Amino acid sequence: MKKAVLGIGIIIGLASCGGFTEEQGKAAEAMCDCMEGDPYGDYDINFYECDAQLKETYGTETFEEGSWVEALEEKCPDVAEKME
């Protein structure tokens, strides 16, 4: 009985740590593309403008704190590094 309860707890724990969603991955790639274009010549302005464009396209759940950063770290490490 104890093993079954422990097993269920582990399965639930692993399922809740699923990483970022497909939509977050697409949004992170869009952020990379926008930032690589360097439309304003200044990182901070580029980030603000690109972020505003993404928030018009994707829902607020896309930008959940932990998993959004995880998506950026995988898809666009240069941008994620500068966010820290």
N, C-alpha and C. Protein backbone atom coordinates (compact mmCIF):
# COMPACT_ATOMS: atom_id res chain seq x y z
N MET A 1 0.82 -1.19 0.00
CA MET A 1 0.00 0.00 0.00
C MET A 1 0.87 1.25 0.00
N LYS A 2 1.91 1.25 0.83
CA LYS A 2 2.79 2.41 0.89
C LYS A 2 3.48 2.65 -0.44
N LYS A 3 3.87 1.57 -1.12
CA LYS A 3 4.54 1.72 -2.42
C LYS A 3 3.58 2.31 -3.45
N ALA A 4 2.32 1.92 -3.39
CA ALA A 4 1.34 2.44 -4.35
C ALA A 4 1.14 3.94 -4.14
N VAL A 5 1.04 4.37 -2.89
CA VAL A 5 0.86 5.79 -2.59
C VAL A 5 2.10 6.58 -3.02
N LEU A 6 3.26 6.03 -2.74
CA LEU A 6 4.51 6.68 -3.14
C LEU A 6 4.61 6.76 -4.66
N GLY A 7 4.24 5.69 -5.35
CA GLY A 7 4.28 5.67 -6.81
C GLY A 7 3.35 6.72 -7.42
N ILE A 8 2.15 6.84 -6.87
CA ILE A 8 1.20 7.84 -7.36
C ILE A 8 1.75 9.25 -7.13
N GLY A 9 2.34 9.47 -5.98
CA GLY A 9 2.93 10.78 -5.67
C GLY A 9 4.05 11.14 -6.64
N ILE A 10 4.87 10.19 -6.99
CA ILE A 10 5.96 10.44 -7.93
C ILE A 10 5.42 10.74 -9.32
N ILE A 11 4.42 9.99 -9.75
CA ILE A 11 3.83 10.21 -11.07
C ILE A 11 3.20 11.60 -11.16
N ILE A 12 2.47 11.99 -10.13
CA ILE A 12 1.86 13.32 -10.11
C ILE A 12 2.94 14.39 -10.12
N GLY A 13 3.99 14.21 -9.36
CA GLY A 13 5.08 15.17 -9.31
C GLY A 13 5.77 15.33 -10.65
N LEU A 14 6.01 14.23 -11.35
CA LEU A 14 6.64 14.30 -12.66
C LEU A 14 5.73 14.93 -13.70
N ALA A 15 4.45 14.65 -13.62
CA ALA A 15 3.50 15.22 -14.57
C ALA A 15 3.39 16.73 -14.40
N SER A 16 3.52 17.22 -13.19
CA SER A 16 3.40 18.66 -12.96
C SER A 16 4.65 19.42 -13.37
N CYS A 17 5.75 18.72 -13.60
CA CYS A 17 7.00 19.35 -14.03
C CYS A 17 7.22 19.12 -15.51
N GLY A 18 6.23 19.36 -16.31
CA GLY A 18 6.28 19.03 -17.72
C GLY A 18 7.07 20.00 -18.58
N GLY A 19 7.54 21.09 -18.05
CA GLY A 19 8.27 22.06 -18.85
C GLY A 19 7.34 23.04 -19.53
N PHE A 20 7.81 23.62 -20.63
CA PHE A 20 7.01 24.63 -21.30
C PHE A 20 6.09 24.00 -22.34
N THR A 21 5.04 24.74 -22.69
CA THR A 21 4.05 24.24 -23.64
C THR A 21 4.52 24.52 -25.08
N GLU A 22 3.82 23.91 -26.02
CA GLU A 22 4.14 24.11 -27.43
C GLU A 22 3.95 25.59 -27.81
N GLU A 23 2.89 26.19 -27.28
CA GLU A 23 2.63 27.60 -27.56
C GLU A 23 3.74 28.49 -27.00
N GLN A 24 4.25 28.15 -25.82
CA GLN A 24 5.35 28.92 -25.25
C GLN A 24 6.61 28.77 -26.10
N GLY A 25 6.82 27.58 -26.64
CA GLY A 25 7.96 27.36 -27.52
C GLY A 25 7.87 28.22 -28.78
N LYS A 26 6.66 28.27 -29.36
CA LYS A 26 6.46 29.11 -30.56
C LYS A 26 6.65 30.58 -30.24
N ALA A 27 6.14 31.01 -29.08
CA ALA A 27 6.30 32.40 -28.68
C ALA A 27 7.78 32.74 -28.43
N ALA A 28 8.52 31.81 -27.85
CA ALA A 28 9.95 32.03 -27.60
C ALA A 28 10.70 32.15 -28.93
N GLU A 29 10.34 31.31 -29.90
CA GLU A 29 10.97 31.41 -31.22
C GLU A 29 10.64 32.75 -31.88
N ALA A 30 9.40 33.20 -31.73
CA ALA A 30 9.00 34.49 -32.28
C ALA A 30 9.78 35.62 -31.61
N MET A 31 10.00 35.50 -30.31
CA MET A 31 10.79 36.51 -29.59
C MET A 31 12.22 36.53 -30.12
N CYS A 32 12.79 35.37 -30.36
CA CYS A 32 14.15 35.29 -30.89
C CYS A 32 14.23 35.97 -32.26
N ASP A 33 13.27 35.65 -33.12
CA ASP A 33 13.27 36.24 -34.46
C ASP A 33 13.16 37.75 -34.38
N CYS A 34 12.29 38.23 -33.52
CA CYS A 34 12.10 39.67 -33.37
C CYS A 34 13.37 40.33 -32.83
N MET A 35 13.97 39.72 -31.83
CA MET A 35 15.17 40.30 -31.22
C MET A 35 16.36 40.26 -32.18
N GLU A 36 16.45 39.21 -33.00
CA GLU A 36 17.56 39.11 -33.95
C GLU A 36 17.45 40.18 -35.03
N GLY A 37 16.23 40.61 -35.33
CA GLY A 37 16.04 41.66 -36.31
C GLY A 37 16.62 42.99 -35.86
N ASP A 38 16.73 43.19 -34.55
CA ASP A 38 17.28 44.41 -33.95
C ASP A 38 16.69 45.67 -34.57
N PRO A 39 15.35 45.78 -34.54
CA PRO A 39 14.71 46.89 -35.24
C PRO A 39 15.03 48.28 -34.67
N TYR A 40 15.40 48.38 -33.40
CA TYR A 40 15.61 49.70 -32.78
C TYR A 40 17.06 49.96 -32.41
N GLY A 41 17.91 48.97 -32.52
CA GLY A 41 19.33 49.17 -32.22
C GLY A 41 19.65 49.26 -30.74
N ASP A 42 18.69 48.99 -29.88
CA ASP A 42 18.90 49.04 -28.43
C ASP A 42 18.19 47.83 -27.82
N TYR A 43 18.91 47.05 -27.03
CA TYR A 43 18.36 45.81 -26.48
C TYR A 43 17.08 46.06 -25.68
N ASP A 44 17.09 47.02 -24.79
CA ASP A 44 15.94 47.25 -23.93
C ASP A 44 14.69 47.66 -24.72
N ILE A 45 14.87 48.53 -25.69
CA ILE A 45 13.74 48.96 -26.51
C ILE A 45 13.25 47.79 -27.36
N ASN A 46 14.19 47.05 -27.95
CA ASN A 46 13.82 45.87 -28.74
C ASN A 46 13.01 44.89 -27.90
N PHE A 47 13.49 44.62 -26.68
CA PHE A 47 12.80 43.66 -25.82
C PHE A 47 11.39 44.14 -25.50
N TYR A 48 11.26 45.39 -25.16
CA TYR A 48 9.95 45.95 -24.81
C TYR A 48 8.99 45.85 -26.00
N GLU A 49 9.44 46.26 -27.17
CA GLU A 49 8.59 46.24 -28.36
C GLU A 49 8.25 44.81 -28.79
N CYS A 50 9.23 43.93 -28.76
CA CYS A 50 8.98 42.53 -29.13
C CYS A 50 8.02 41.88 -28.14
N ASP A 51 8.21 42.16 -26.86
CA ASP A 51 7.33 41.63 -25.82
C ASP A 51 5.89 42.13 -26.03
N ALA A 52 5.74 43.39 -26.37
CA ALA A 52 4.41 43.95 -26.61
C ALA A 52 3.75 43.28 -27.82
N GLN A 53 4.52 43.03 -28.88
CA GLN A 53 3.98 42.35 -30.05
C GLN A 53 3.52 40.93 -29.71
N LEU A 54 4.32 40.23 -28.92
CA LEU A 54 3.96 38.86 -28.55
C LEU A 54 2.72 38.82 -27.68
N LYS A 55 2.59 39.78 -26.79
CA LYS A 55 1.43 39.79 -25.90
C LYS A 55 0.14 40.10 -26.65
N GLU A 56 0.24 40.73 -27.82
CA GLU A 56 -0.94 40.94 -28.66
C GLU A 56 -1.34 39.64 -29.36
N THR A 57 -0.36 38.80 -29.63
CA THR A 57 -0.59 37.57 -30.39
C THR A 57 -0.96 36.38 -29.51
N TYR A 58 -0.30 36.25 -28.37
CA TYR A 58 -0.47 35.09 -27.49
C TYR A 58 -1.22 35.49 -26.22
N GLY A 59 -1.88 34.52 -25.61
CA GLY A 59 -2.62 34.76 -24.37
C GLY A 59 -1.71 34.93 -23.17
N THR A 60 -2.25 35.45 -22.08
CA THR A 60 -1.45 35.71 -20.89
C THR A 60 -0.87 34.44 -20.28
N GLU A 61 -1.56 33.30 -20.45
CA GLU A 61 -1.04 32.05 -19.88
C GLU A 61 0.26 31.62 -20.55
N THR A 62 0.54 32.13 -21.73
CA THR A 62 1.79 31.81 -22.42
C THR A 62 3.00 32.35 -21.66
N PHE A 63 2.81 33.43 -20.95
CA PHE A 63 3.93 34.11 -20.30
C PHE A 63 4.00 33.83 -18.80
N GLU A 64 3.57 32.64 -18.39
CA GLU A 64 3.70 32.24 -16.99
C GLU A 64 5.18 32.24 -16.63
N GLU A 65 5.47 32.72 -15.47
CA GLU A 65 6.84 33.04 -15.06
C GLU A 65 7.85 31.91 -15.31
N GLY A 66 7.69 30.78 -14.67
CA GLY A 66 8.72 29.74 -14.74
C GLY A 66 8.85 29.09 -16.10
N SER A 67 7.74 28.68 -16.68
CA SER A 67 7.82 27.94 -17.93
C SER A 67 8.14 28.84 -19.12
N TRP A 68 7.76 30.11 -19.09
CA TRP A 68 8.11 31.04 -20.16
C TRP A 68 9.62 31.25 -20.19
N VAL A 69 10.22 31.44 -19.04
CA VAL A 69 11.67 31.61 -18.97
C VAL A 69 12.38 30.35 -19.45
N GLU A 70 11.82 29.20 -19.08
CA GLU A 70 12.39 27.92 -19.51
C GLU A 70 12.36 27.80 -21.04
N ALA A 71 11.26 28.21 -21.66
CA ALA A 71 11.15 28.19 -23.12
C ALA A 71 12.18 29.12 -23.74
N LEU A 72 12.33 30.30 -23.18
CA LEU A 72 13.33 31.25 -23.70
C LEU A 72 14.75 30.70 -23.54
N GLU A 73 15.02 30.07 -22.41
CA GLU A 73 16.36 29.53 -22.18
C GLU A 73 16.71 28.47 -23.22
N GLU A 74 15.73 27.66 -23.61
CA GLU A 74 16.00 26.61 -24.59
C GLU A 74 16.03 27.15 -26.02
N LYS A 75 15.07 28.00 -26.36
CA LYS A 75 14.93 28.45 -27.74
C LYS A 75 15.81 29.66 -28.07
N CYS A 76 16.07 30.48 -27.07
CA CYS A 76 16.78 31.74 -27.31
C CYS A 76 17.66 32.08 -26.10
N PRO A 77 18.74 31.35 -25.91
CA PRO A 77 19.54 31.53 -24.68
C PRO A 77 20.15 32.93 -24.53
N ASP A 78 20.45 33.59 -25.63
CA ASP A 78 21.04 34.93 -25.54
C ASP A 78 20.08 35.93 -24.89
N VAL A 79 18.82 35.85 -25.27
CA VAL A 79 17.80 36.75 -24.70
C VAL A 79 17.57 36.39 -23.24
N ALA A 80 17.44 35.10 -22.94
CA ALA A 80 17.19 34.65 -21.58
C ALA A 80 18.33 35.06 -20.65
N GLU A 81 19.55 34.98 -21.15
CA GLU A 81 20.72 35.35 -20.33
C GLU A 81 20.68 36.81 -19.94
N LYS A 82 20.26 37.67 -20.85
CA LYS A 82 20.22 39.10 -20.56
C LYS A 82 19.05 39.48 -19.65
N MET A 83 18.06 38.61 -19.55
CA MET A 83 16.91 38.88 -18.68
C MET A 83 17.28 38.73 -17.22
N GLU A 84 18.28 37.93 -16.91
CA GLU A 84 18.63 37.65 -15.52
C GLU A 84 19.28 38.81 -14.84
